[in-house]
Amino acid sequence: MENVNAKSADFRGSDVRGTRFTRTNLTNANLSNLQYQEVMYPTYFDNAIINYTNFTGNNSFKQKIYKEGYSEQFKSAIF
């Protein structure tokens, strides 16, 4: 899958395996949006590349994933 413009993408119920999320198209606000949508709607990120280097709150996003038990969906994601 090509890079996703997270500013306009709706990931609810989507399968985004292999998607590359980059700093260019994934803002702080969108990290929160992804976090919310992941909790509310199962979304699969196997092999997704989530590069959130230098994003504010990136640790809380990652910790939320594992704390809430979504690590299986993110097992192949690259953080």
PDB file of N, CA and C in Angstrom:
ATOM      1  N   MET A   1       0.844  -1.191   0.000  1.00  0.00           N
ATOM      2  CA  MET A   1       0.000   0.000   0.000  1.00  0.00           C
ATOM      3  C   MET A   1       0.882   1.245   0.000  1.00  0.00           C
ATOM      4  N   GLU A   2       0.448   2.225  -0.708  1.00  0.00           N
ATOM      5  CA  GLU A   2       1.225   3.452  -0.790  1.00  0.00           C
ATOM      6  C   GLU A   2       1.098   4.252   0.491  1.00  0.00           C
ATOM      7  N   ASN A   3       1.919   5.285   0.568  1.00  0.00           N
ATOM      8  CA  ASN A   3       1.820   6.160   1.732  1.00  0.00           C
ATOM      9  C   ASN A   3       0.408   6.704   1.853  1.00  0.00           C
ATOM     10  N   VAL A   4      -0.030   6.826   3.076  1.00  0.00           N
ATOM     11  CA  VAL A   4      -1.384   7.298   3.332  1.00  0.00           C
ATOM     12  C   VAL A   4      -1.350   8.738   3.807  1.00  0.00           C
ATOM     13  N   ASN A   5      -2.217   9.559   3.260  1.00  0.00           N
ATOM     14  CA  ASN A   5      -2.353  10.921   3.752  1.00  0.00           C
ATOM     15  C   ASN A   5      -3.268  10.853   4.962  1.00  0.00           C
ATOM     16  N   ALA A   6      -2.653  10.747   6.126  1.00  0.00           N
ATOM     17  CA  ALA A   6      -3.417  10.534   7.355  1.00  0.00           C
ATOM     18  C   ALA A   6      -4.316  11.713   7.700  1.00  0.00           C
ATOM     19  N   LYS A   7      -4.039  12.849   7.108  1.00  0.00           N
ATOM     20  CA  LYS A   7      -4.859  14.020   7.420  1.00  0.00           C
ATOM     21  C   LYS A   7      -6.281  13.854   6.891  1.00  0.00           C
ATOM     22  N   SER A   8      -6.439  13.055   5.857  1.00  0.00           N
ATOM     23  CA  SER A   8      -7.769  12.903   5.280  1.00  0.00           C
ATOM     24  C   SER A   8      -8.256  11.457   5.298  1.00  0.00           C
ATOM     25  N   ALA A   9      -7.379  10.547   5.678  1.00  0.00           N
ATOM     26  CA  ALA A   9      -7.748   9.131   5.645  1.00  0.00           C
ATOM     27  C   ALA A   9      -8.615   8.744   6.833  1.00  0.00           C
ATOM     28  N   ASP A  10      -9.515   7.844   6.592  1.00  0.00           N
ATOM     29  CA  ASP A  10     -10.362   7.303   7.651  1.00  0.00           C
ATOM     30  C   ASP A  10      -9.988   5.834   7.792  1.00  0.00           C
ATOM     31  N   PHE A  11      -9.390   5.485   8.936  1.00  0.00           N
ATOM     32  CA  PHE A  11      -8.880   4.132   9.108  1.00  0.00           C
ATOM     33  C   PHE A  11      -9.870   3.199   9.796  1.00  0.00           C
ATOM     34  N   ARG A  12     -11.068   3.660  10.048  1.00  0.00           N
ATOM     35  CA  ARG A  12     -12.013   2.824  10.774  1.00  0.00           C
ATOM     36  C   ARG A  12     -12.299   1.532  10.016  1.00  0.00           C
ATOM     37  N   GLY A  13     -11.997   0.420  10.665  1.00  0.00           N
ATOM     38  CA  GLY A  13     -12.267  -0.872  10.063  1.00  0.00           C
ATOM     39  C   GLY A  13     -11.374  -1.202   8.882  1.00  0.00           C
ATOM     40  N   SER A  14     -10.334  -0.416   8.685  1.00  0.00           N
ATOM     41  CA  SER A  14      -9.466  -0.611   7.533  1.00  0.00           C
ATOM     42  C   SER A  14      -8.347  -1.599   7.826  1.00  0.00           C
ATOM     43  N   ASP A  15      -7.868  -2.222   6.779  1.00  0.00           N
ATOM     44  CA  ASP A  15      -6.705  -3.091   6.877  1.00  0.00           C
ATOM     45  C   ASP A  15      -5.559  -2.312   6.250  1.00  0.00           C
ATOM     46  N   VAL A  16      -4.642  -1.849   7.068  1.00  0.00           N
ATOM     47  CA  VAL A  16      -3.556  -1.013   6.559  1.00  0.00           C
ATOM     48  C   VAL A  16      -2.217  -1.729   6.656  1.00  0.00           C
ATOM     49  N   ARG A  17      -2.251  -3.061   6.539  1.00  0.00           N
ATOM     50  CA  ARG A  17      -1.008  -3.820   6.573  1.00  0.00           C
ATOM     51  C   ARG A  17      -0.083  -3.366   5.453  1.00  0.00           C
ATOM     52  N   GLY A  18       1.160  -3.151   5.802  1.00  0.00           N
ATOM     53  CA  GLY A  18       2.140  -2.735   4.822  1.00  0.00           C
ATOM     54  C   GLY A  18       2.144  -1.245   4.538  1.00  0.00           C
ATOM     55  N   THR A  19       1.260  -0.519   5.180  1.00  0.00           N
ATOM     56  CA  THR A  19       1.202   0.924   4.966  1.00  0.00           C
ATOM     57  C   THR A  19       2.367   1.614   5.661  1.00  0.00           C
ATOM     58  N   ARG A  20       2.938   2.582   4.996  1.00  0.00           N
ATOM     59  CA  ARG A  20       4.035   3.345   5.590  1.00  0.00           C
ATOM     60  C   ARG A  20       3.498   4.694   6.049  1.00  0.00           C
ATOM     61  N   PHE A  21       3.479   4.885   7.373  1.00  0.00           N
ATOM     62  CA  PHE A  21       3.064   6.165   7.926  1.00  0.00           C
ATOM     63  C   PHE A  21       4.325   6.962   8.225  1.00  0.00           C
ATOM     64  N   THR A  22       4.442   8.125   7.647  1.00  0.00           N
ATOM     65  CA  THR A  22       5.646   8.912   7.830  1.00  0.00           C
ATOM     66  C   THR A  22       5.360  10.210   8.560  1.00  0.00           C
ATOM     67  N   ARG A  23       6.434  10.849   8.956  1.00  0.00           N
ATOM     68  CA  ARG A  23       6.301  12.116   9.658  1.00  0.00           C
ATOM     69  C   ARG A  23       5.615  13.149   8.772  1.00  0.00           C
ATOM     70  N   THR A  24       5.796  13.015   7.486  1.00  0.00           N
ATOM     71  CA  THR A  24       5.202  13.974   6.558  1.00  0.00           C
ATOM     72  C   THR A  24       3.686  13.918   6.570  1.00  0.00           C
ATOM     73  N   ASN A  25       3.124  12.727   6.662  1.00  0.00           N
ATOM     74  CA  ASN A  25       1.670  12.620   6.548  1.00  0.00           C
ATOM     75  C   ASN A  25       0.991  12.147   7.829  1.00  0.00           C
ATOM     76  N   LEU A  26       1.709  12.207   8.940  1.00  0.00           N
ATOM     77  CA  LEU A  26       1.105  11.805  10.204  1.00  0.00           C
ATOM     78  C   LEU A  26       1.466  12.832  11.267  1.00  0.00           C
ATOM     79  N   THR A  27       0.520  13.680  11.611  1.00  0.00           N
ATOM     80  CA  THR A  27       0.775  14.741  12.575  1.00  0.00           C
ATOM     81  C   THR A  27       0.448  14.283  13.983  1.00  0.00           C
ATOM     82  N   ASN A  28       0.784  15.105  14.947  1.00  0.00           N
ATOM     83  CA  ASN A  28       0.462  14.776  16.337  1.00  0.00           C
ATOM     84  C   ASN A  28      -1.024  14.507  16.499  1.00  0.00           C
ATOM     85  N   ALA A  29      -1.826  15.366  15.906  1.00  0.00           N
ATOM     86  CA  ALA A  29      -3.278  15.222  16.016  1.00  0.00           C
ATOM     87  C   ALA A  29      -3.733  13.910  15.401  1.00  0.00           C
ATOM     88  N   ASN A  30      -3.103  13.535  14.308  1.00  0.00           N
ATOM     89  CA  ASN A  30      -3.494  12.300  13.649  1.00  0.00           C
ATOM     90  C   ASN A  30      -3.071  11.076  14.440  1.00  0.00           C
ATOM     91  N   LEU A  31      -1.986  11.199  15.203  1.00  0.00           N
ATOM     92  CA  LEU A  31      -1.611  10.091  16.079  1.00  0.00           C
ATOM     93  C   LEU A  31      -2.716   9.853  17.089  1.00  0.00           C
ATOM     94  N   SER A  32      -3.251  10.926  17.632  1.00  0.00           N
ATOM     95  CA  SER A  32      -4.346  10.801  18.588  1.00  0.00           C
ATOM     96  C   SER A  32      -5.573  10.212  17.905  1.00  0.00           C
ATOM     97  N   ASN A  33      -5.800  10.636  16.674  1.00  0.00           N
ATOM     98  CA  ASN A  33      -6.941  10.136  15.922  1.00  0.00           C
ATOM     99  C   ASN A  33      -6.805   8.643  15.659  1.00  0.00           C
ATOM    100  N   LEU A  34      -5.596   8.226  15.286  1.00  0.00           N
ATOM    101  CA  LEU A  34      -5.356   6.806  15.049  1.00  0.00           C
ATOM    102  C   LEU A  34      -5.552   6.022  16.336  1.00  0.00           C
ATOM    103  N   GLN A  35      -5.071   6.586  17.435  1.00  0.00           N
ATOM    104  CA  GLN A  35      -5.210   5.916  18.721  1.00  0.00           C
ATOM    105  C   GLN A  35      -6.686   5.724  19.048  1.00  0.00           C
ATOM    106  N   TYR A  36      -7.459   6.765  18.867  1.00  0.00           N
ATOM    107  CA  TYR A  36      -8.898   6.702  19.147  1.00  0.00           C
ATOM    108  C   TYR A  36      -9.579   5.671  18.248  1.00  0.00           C
ATOM    109  N   GLN A  37      -9.258   5.723  16.979  1.00  0.00           N
ATOM    110  CA  GLN A  37      -9.903   4.810  16.044  1.00  0.00           C
ATOM    111  C   GLN A  37      -9.491   3.372  16.288  1.00  0.00           C
ATOM    112  N   GLU A  38      -8.258   3.175  16.723  1.00  0.00           N
ATOM    113  CA  GLU A  38      -7.806   1.810  16.986  1.00  0.00           C
ATOM    114  C   GLU A  38      -8.577   1.220  18.154  1.00  0.00           C
ATOM    115  N   VAL A  39      -8.873   2.046  19.140  1.00  0.00           N
ATOM    116  CA  VAL A  39      -9.613   1.576  20.300  1.00  0.00           C
ATOM    117  C   VAL A  39     -11.078   1.323  19.938  1.00  0.00           C
ATOM    118  N   MET A  40     -11.634   2.206  19.131  1.00  0.00           N
ATOM    119  CA  MET A  40     -13.056   2.120  18.812  1.00  0.00           C
ATOM    120  C   MET A  40     -13.365   1.135  17.683  1.00  0.00           C
ATOM    121  N   TYR A  41     -12.463   1.036  16.732  1.00  0.00           N
ATOM    122  CA  TYR A  41     -12.693   0.173  15.585  1.00  0.00           C
ATOM    123  C   TYR A  41     -11.446  -0.656  15.320  1.00  0.00           C
ATOM    124  N   PRO A  42     -11.553  -1.979  15.282  1.00  0.00           N
ATOM    125  CA  PRO A  42     -10.368  -2.807  15.016  1.00  0.00           C
ATOM    126  C   PRO A  42      -9.736  -2.436  13.678  1.00  0.00           C
ATOM    127  N   THR A  43      -8.486  -2.086  13.717  1.00  0.00           N
ATOM    128  CA  THR A  43      -7.738  -1.745  12.515  1.00  0.00           C
ATOM    129  C   THR A  43      -6.434  -2.523  12.556  1.00  0.00           C
ATOM    130  N   TYR A  44      -6.053  -3.084  11.451  1.00  0.00           N
ATOM    131  CA  TYR A  44      -4.906  -3.975  11.454  1.00  0.00           C
ATOM    132  C   TYR A  44      -3.673  -3.300  10.870  1.00  0.00           C
ATOM    133  N   PHE A  45      -2.620  -3.273  11.671  1.00  0.00           N
ATOM    134  CA  PHE A  45      -1.401  -2.574  11.295  1.00  0.00           C
ATOM    135  C   PHE A  45      -0.231  -3.531  11.089  1.00  0.00           C
ATOM    136  N   ASP A  46      -0.489  -4.802  10.803  1.00  0.00           N
ATOM    137  CA  ASP A  46       0.602  -5.744  10.596  1.00  0.00           C
ATOM    138  C   ASP A  46       1.531  -5.224   9.511  1.00  0.00           C
ATOM    139  N   ASN A  47       2.814  -5.185   9.819  1.00  0.00           N
ATOM    140  CA  ASN A  47       3.846  -4.728   8.891  1.00  0.00           C
ATOM    141  C   ASN A  47       3.742  -3.254   8.544  1.00  0.00           C
ATOM    142  N   ALA A  48       2.904  -2.529   9.251  1.00  0.00           N
ATOM    143  CA  ALA A  48       2.844  -1.090   9.018  1.00  0.00           C
ATOM    144  C   ALA A  48       4.114  -0.452   9.562  1.00  0.00           C
ATOM    145  N   ILE A  49       4.576   0.559   8.908  1.00  0.00           N
ATOM    146  CA  ILE A  49       5.757   1.280   9.360  1.00  0.00           C
ATOM    147  C   ILE A  49       5.280   2.615   9.900  1.00  0.00           C
ATOM    148  N   ILE A  50       5.306   2.749  11.218  1.00  0.00           N
ATOM    149  CA  ILE A  50       4.823   3.972  11.843  1.00  0.00           C
ATOM    150  C   ILE A  50       6.026   4.737  12.369  1.00  0.00           C
ATOM    151  N   ASN A  51       6.472   5.699  11.611  1.00  0.00           N
ATOM    152  CA  ASN A  51       7.654   6.470  11.980  1.00  0.00           C
ATOM    153  C   ASN A  51       7.209   7.765  12.638  1.00  0.00           C
ATOM    154  N   TYR A  52       7.149   7.744  13.972  1.00  0.00           N
ATOM    155  CA  TYR A  52       6.702   8.957  14.648  1.00  0.00           C
ATOM    156  C   TYR A  52       7.814   9.617  15.432  1.00  0.00           C
ATOM    157  N   THR A  53       9.017   9.509  14.925  1.00  0.00           N
ATOM    158  CA  THR A  53      10.148  10.162  15.558  1.00  0.00           C
ATOM    159  C   THR A  53       9.878  11.657  15.701  1.00  0.00           C
ATOM    160  N   ASN A  54      10.150  12.169  16.891  1.00  0.00           N
ATOM    161  CA  ASN A  54       9.981  13.587  17.186  1.00  0.00           C
ATOM    162  C   ASN A  54       8.525  14.021  17.300  1.00  0.00           C
ATOM    163  N   PHE A  55       7.611  13.069  17.327  1.00  0.00           N
ATOM    164  CA  PHE A  55       6.222  13.438  17.555  1.00  0.00           C
ATOM    165  C   PHE A  55       5.988  13.598  19.044  1.00  0.00           C
ATOM    166  N   THR A  56       5.317  14.649  19.438  1.00  0.00           N
ATOM    167  CA  THR A  56       4.971  14.840  20.837  1.00  0.00           C
ATOM    168  C   THR A  56       3.947  13.791  21.233  1.00  0.00           C
ATOM    169  N   GLY A  57       4.209  13.137  22.355  1.00  0.00           N
ATOM    170  CA  GLY A  57       3.254  12.154  22.835  1.00  0.00           C
ATOM    171  C   GLY A  57       3.370  10.801  22.162  1.00  0.00           C
ATOM    172  N   ASN A  58       4.437  10.597  21.392  1.00  0.00           N
ATOM    173  CA  ASN A  58       4.554   9.321  20.700  1.00  0.00           C
ATOM    174  C   ASN A  58       4.640   8.143  21.668  1.00  0.00           C
ATOM    175  N   ASN A  59       5.281   8.349  22.804  1.00  0.00           N
ATOM    176  CA  ASN A  59       5.392   7.267  23.771  1.00  0.00           C
ATOM    177  C   ASN A  59       4.032   6.883  24.335  1.00  0.00           C
ATOM    178  N   SER A  60       3.193   7.863  24.590  1.00  0.00           N
ATOM    179  CA  SER A  60       1.877   7.566  25.131  1.00  0.00           C
ATOM    180  C   SER A  60       1.049   6.793  24.106  1.00  0.00           C
ATOM    181  N   PHE A  61       1.239   7.096  22.847  1.00  0.00           N
ATOM    182  CA  PHE A  61       0.530   6.373  21.791  1.00  0.00           C
ATOM    183  C   PHE A  61       0.948   4.911  21.797  1.00  0.00           C
ATOM    184  N   LYS A  62       2.263   4.695  21.831  1.00  0.00           N
ATOM    185  CA  LYS A  62       2.776   3.326  21.808  1.00  0.00           C
ATOM    186  C   LYS A  62       2.366   2.572  23.070  1.00  0.00           C
ATOM    187  N   GLN A  63       2.465   3.229  24.217  1.00  0.00           N
ATOM    188  CA  GLN A  63       2.103   2.584  25.471  1.00  0.00           C
ATOM    189  C   GLN A  63       0.616   2.256  25.502  1.00  0.00           C
ATOM    190  N   LYS A  64      -0.190   3.113  24.935  1.00  0.00           N
ATOM    191  CA  LYS A  64      -1.633   2.876  24.887  1.00  0.00           C
ATOM    192  C   LYS A  64      -1.923   1.595  24.112  1.00  0.00           C
ATOM    193  N   ILE A  65      -1.215   1.426  23.019  1.00  0.00           N
ATOM    194  CA  ILE A  65      -1.415   0.249  22.185  1.00  0.00           C
ATOM    195  C   ILE A  65      -1.187  -1.023  23.001  1.00  0.00           C
ATOM    196  N   TYR A  66      -0.055  -1.077  23.671  1.00  0.00           N
ATOM    197  CA  TYR A  66       0.290  -2.285  24.406  1.00  0.00           C
ATOM    198  C   TYR A  66      -0.508  -2.425  25.694  1.00  0.00           C
ATOM    199  N   LYS A  67      -0.774  -1.323  26.347  1.00  0.00           N
ATOM    200  CA  LYS A  67      -1.526  -1.358  27.597  1.00  0.00           C
ATOM    201  C   LYS A  67      -2.935  -1.873  27.376  1.00  0.00           C
ATOM    202  N   GLU A  68      -3.530  -1.482  26.280  1.00  0.00           N
ATOM    203  CA  GLU A  68      -4.909  -1.868  26.000  1.00  0.00           C
ATOM    204  C   GLU A  68      -5.011  -3.230  25.314  1.00  0.00           C
ATOM    205  N   GLY A  69      -3.861  -3.873  25.108  1.00  0.00           N
ATOM    206  CA  GLY A  69      -3.889  -5.219  24.555  1.00  0.00           C
ATOM    207  C   GLY A  69      -3.984  -5.308  23.051  1.00  0.00           C
ATOM    208  N   TYR A  70      -3.529  -4.276  22.365  1.00  0.00           N
ATOM    209  CA  TYR A  70      -3.578  -4.308  20.914  1.00  0.00           C
ATOM    210  C   TYR A  70      -2.241  -4.721  20.301  1.00  0.00           C
ATOM    211  N   SER A  71      -1.328  -5.214  21.143  1.00  0.00           N
ATOM    212  CA  SER A  71       0.003  -5.527  20.642  1.00  0.00           C
ATOM    213  C   SER A  71      -0.033  -6.579  19.537  1.00  0.00           C
ATOM    214  N   GLU A  72      -1.005  -7.463  19.571  1.00  0.00           N
ATOM    215  CA  GLU A  72      -1.093  -8.500  18.540  1.00  0.00           C
ATOM    216  C   GLU A  72      -1.279  -7.879  17.160  1.00  0.00           C
ATOM    217  N   GLN A  73      -2.107  -6.854  17.081  1.00  0.00           N
ATOM    218  CA  GLN A  73      -2.336  -6.200  15.798  1.00  0.00           C
ATOM    219  C   GLN A  73      -1.108  -5.424  15.347  1.00  0.00           C
ATOM    220  N   PHE A  74      -0.298  -5.006  16.321  1.00  0.00           N
ATOM    221  CA  PHE A  74       0.872  -4.194  15.993  1.00  0.00           C
ATOM    222  C   PHE A  74       2.163  -5.000  16.067  1.00  0.00           C
ATOM    223  N   LYS A  75       2.054  -6.325  16.135  1.00  0.00           N
ATOM    224  CA  LYS A  75       3.233  -7.152  16.370  1.00  0.00           C
ATOM    225  C   LYS A  75       4.317  -6.973  15.305  1.00  0.00           C
ATOM    226  N   SER A  76       3.916  -6.652  14.081  1.00  0.00           N
ATOM    227  CA  SER A  76       4.895  -6.504  13.013  1.00  0.00           C
ATOM    228  C   SER A  76       5.164  -5.052  12.652  1.00  0.00           C
ATOM    229  N   ALA A  77       4.523  -4.151  13.378  1.00  0.00           N
ATOM    230  CA  ALA A  77       4.709  -2.734  13.069  1.00  0.00           C
ATOM    231  C   ALA A  77       6.100  -2.282  13.480  1.00  0.00           C
ATOM    232  N   ILE A  78       6.635  -1.354  12.748  1.00  0.00           N
ATOM    233  CA  ILE A  78       7.943  -0.788  13.061  1.00  0.00           C
ATOM    234  C   ILE A  78       7.719   0.589  13.658  1.00  0.00           C
ATOM    235  N   PHE A  79       8.099   0.753  14.905  1.00  0.00           N
ATOM    236  CA  PHE A  79       7.909   2.036  15.578  1.00  0.00           C
ATOM    237  C   PHE A  79       9.214   2.807  15.581  1.00  0.00           C
TER     238      PHE A  79
END
